[in-house]
Amino acid sequence: MKFTQEVKDKWVNTLESGVYKKGVGKLRHDDKYCCIGVLVEIMDNVEIHETEDKFVSTVGLEHDSYQRGGLGLDFNTAIALVKLNDVNYKKDKTFKNMIPQIKELEVEL
């Protein structure tokens, strides 16, 4: 899958909308999502499903696996976003602190 401008814009708009509640540690836990979990939710043909005690996406992603290639994000970018998602969770339960970084990500043409 490619990380296009359309995907990036949709991701930013979804994070800004407040539709998804911010969570940490998993792509999805109950009704909360990490930023990568939100990206998985909005991508076509990618879903999160539960296996044992983890949620994984249909492209094989787990929150703690750092294998994000199926979403078009490179390894270092994905790790940085997950850390940014998790680091300020107690102070900020929104995604607003990471939106500027997501807006700066390069897209595939």
Protein backbone atom coordinates (compact mmCIF):
# COMPACT_ATOMS: atom_id res chain seq x y z
CA MET A 1 0.00 0.00 0.00
CA LYS A 2 1.18 3.51 -0.72
CA PHE A 3 1.20 6.43 1.65
CA THR A 4 -0.30 9.00 -0.71
CA GLN A 5 -1.31 12.62 -0.16
CA GLU A 6 -4.93 11.48 -0.11
CA VAL A 7 -4.20 8.95 2.67
CA LYS A 8 -2.20 11.52 4.65
CA ASP A 9 -4.96 14.14 4.38
CA LYS A 10 -7.61 11.63 5.42
CA TRP A 11 -5.47 10.51 8.38
CA VAL A 12 -4.88 14.08 9.58
CA ASN A 13 -8.56 15.00 9.17
CA THR A 14 -9.62 11.88 11.07
CA LEU A 15 -7.19 12.54 13.92
CA GLU A 16 -8.34 16.17 14.13
CA SER A 17 -12.02 15.19 14.08
CA GLY A 18 -11.97 13.58 17.51
CA VAL A 19 -13.92 10.57 16.24
CA TYR A 20 -11.24 8.19 17.56
CA LYS A 21 -10.17 8.18 21.21
CA LYS A 22 -6.44 8.02 21.82
CA GLY A 23 -4.99 4.92 23.44
CA VAL A 24 -1.55 3.43 23.93
CA GLY A 25 0.15 0.06 23.70
CA LYS A 26 -2.02 -1.49 21.00
CA LEU A 27 -3.41 -0.62 17.60
CA ARG A 28 -6.83 -0.79 19.27
CA HIS A 29 -7.96 -1.51 22.80
CA ASP A 30 -11.68 -1.38 23.43
CA ASP A 31 -12.68 1.96 21.87
CA LYS A 32 -9.19 3.54 21.94
CA TYR A 33 -6.57 3.61 19.19
CA CYS A 34 -2.94 4.54 18.77
CA CYS A 35 -2.23 6.85 15.82
CA ILE A 36 -1.16 3.89 13.65
CA GLY A 37 -4.38 2.08 14.60
CA VAL A 38 -6.37 5.04 13.26
CA LEU A 39 -4.38 4.88 10.03
CA VAL A 40 -5.18 1.16 9.72
CA GLU A 41 -8.88 1.88 10.28
CA ILE A 42 -9.09 4.46 7.48
CA MET A 43 -7.08 2.52 4.89
CA ASP A 44 -9.02 0.56 2.30
CA ASN A 45 -8.69 -3.23 2.51
CA VAL A 46 -6.91 -3.13 5.89
CA GLU A 47 -8.64 -4.00 9.14
CA ILE A 48 -7.75 -4.70 12.74
CA HIS A 49 -8.76 -8.07 14.14
CA GLU A 50 -8.15 -9.77 17.46
CA THR A 51 -5.88 -12.80 17.84
CA GLU A 52 -5.31 -14.15 21.33
CA ASP A 53 -4.55 -11.06 23.43
CA LYS A 54 -3.38 -8.80 20.60
CA PHE A 55 -5.03 -6.84 17.85
CA VAL A 56 -3.34 -7.19 14.49
CA SER A 57 -4.16 -5.72 11.13
CA THR A 58 -4.85 -7.72 8.03
CA VAL A 59 -1.44 -6.68 6.71
CA GLY A 60 0.19 -8.31 9.73
CA LEU A 61 0.84 -5.29 11.91
CA GLU A 62 0.94 -5.41 15.67
CA HIS A 63 1.42 -2.24 17.70
CA ASP A 64 4.62 -3.62 19.21
CA SER A 65 6.04 -5.30 16.09
CA TYR A 66 7.26 -2.10 14.39
CA GLN A 67 6.59 -3.71 11.02
CA ARG A 68 4.61 -0.97 9.37
CA GLY A 69 5.57 -1.51 5.75
CA GLY A 70 2.05 -2.47 4.75
CA LEU A 71 0.89 1.08 5.43
CA GLY A 72 3.53 2.81 3.37
CA LEU A 73 5.37 4.23 6.39
CA ASP A 74 9.06 3.55 6.79
CA PHE A 75 10.33 1.84 9.94
CA ASN A 76 11.83 4.90 11.66
CA THR A 77 8.82 7.10 10.96
CA ALA A 78 6.43 4.52 12.38
CA ILE A 79 8.49 4.07 15.54
CA ALA A 80 8.74 7.84 16.05
CA LEU A 81 4.97 8.25 15.68
CA VAL A 82 4.21 5.39 18.08
CA LYS A 83 6.57 6.87 20.67
CA LEU A 84 5.06 10.32 20.22
CA ASN A 85 1.60 8.78 20.58
CA ASP A 86 2.52 7.04 23.82
CA VAL A 87 4.88 9.50 25.55
CA ASN A 88 2.39 12.23 26.48
CA TYR A 89 -0.67 10.04 26.93
CA LYS A 90 -1.34 10.96 30.56
CA LYS A 91 -1.18 14.70 29.81
CA ASP A 92 -2.85 14.72 26.40
CA LYS A 93 -5.51 12.24 25.41
CA THR A 94 -5.83 13.71 21.91
CA PHE A 95 -3.72 13.27 18.78
CA LYS A 96 -2.98 16.99 18.39
CA ASN A 97 0.69 16.71 19.40
CA MET A 98 1.49 14.44 16.46
CA ILE A 99 -0.49 16.10 13.68
CA PRO A 100 2.32 18.56 12.76
CA GLN A 101 4.75 15.62 12.30
CA ILE A 102 2.25 13.69 10.19
CA LYS A 103 1.67 16.75 7.99
CA GLU A 104 5.42 16.85 7.29
CA LEU A 105 5.66 13.19 6.19
CA GLU A 106 6.67 12.58 2.60
CA VAL A 107 4.12 10.86 0.40
CA GLU A 108 4.42 8.52 -2.55
CA LEU A 109 3.27 9.78 -5.91
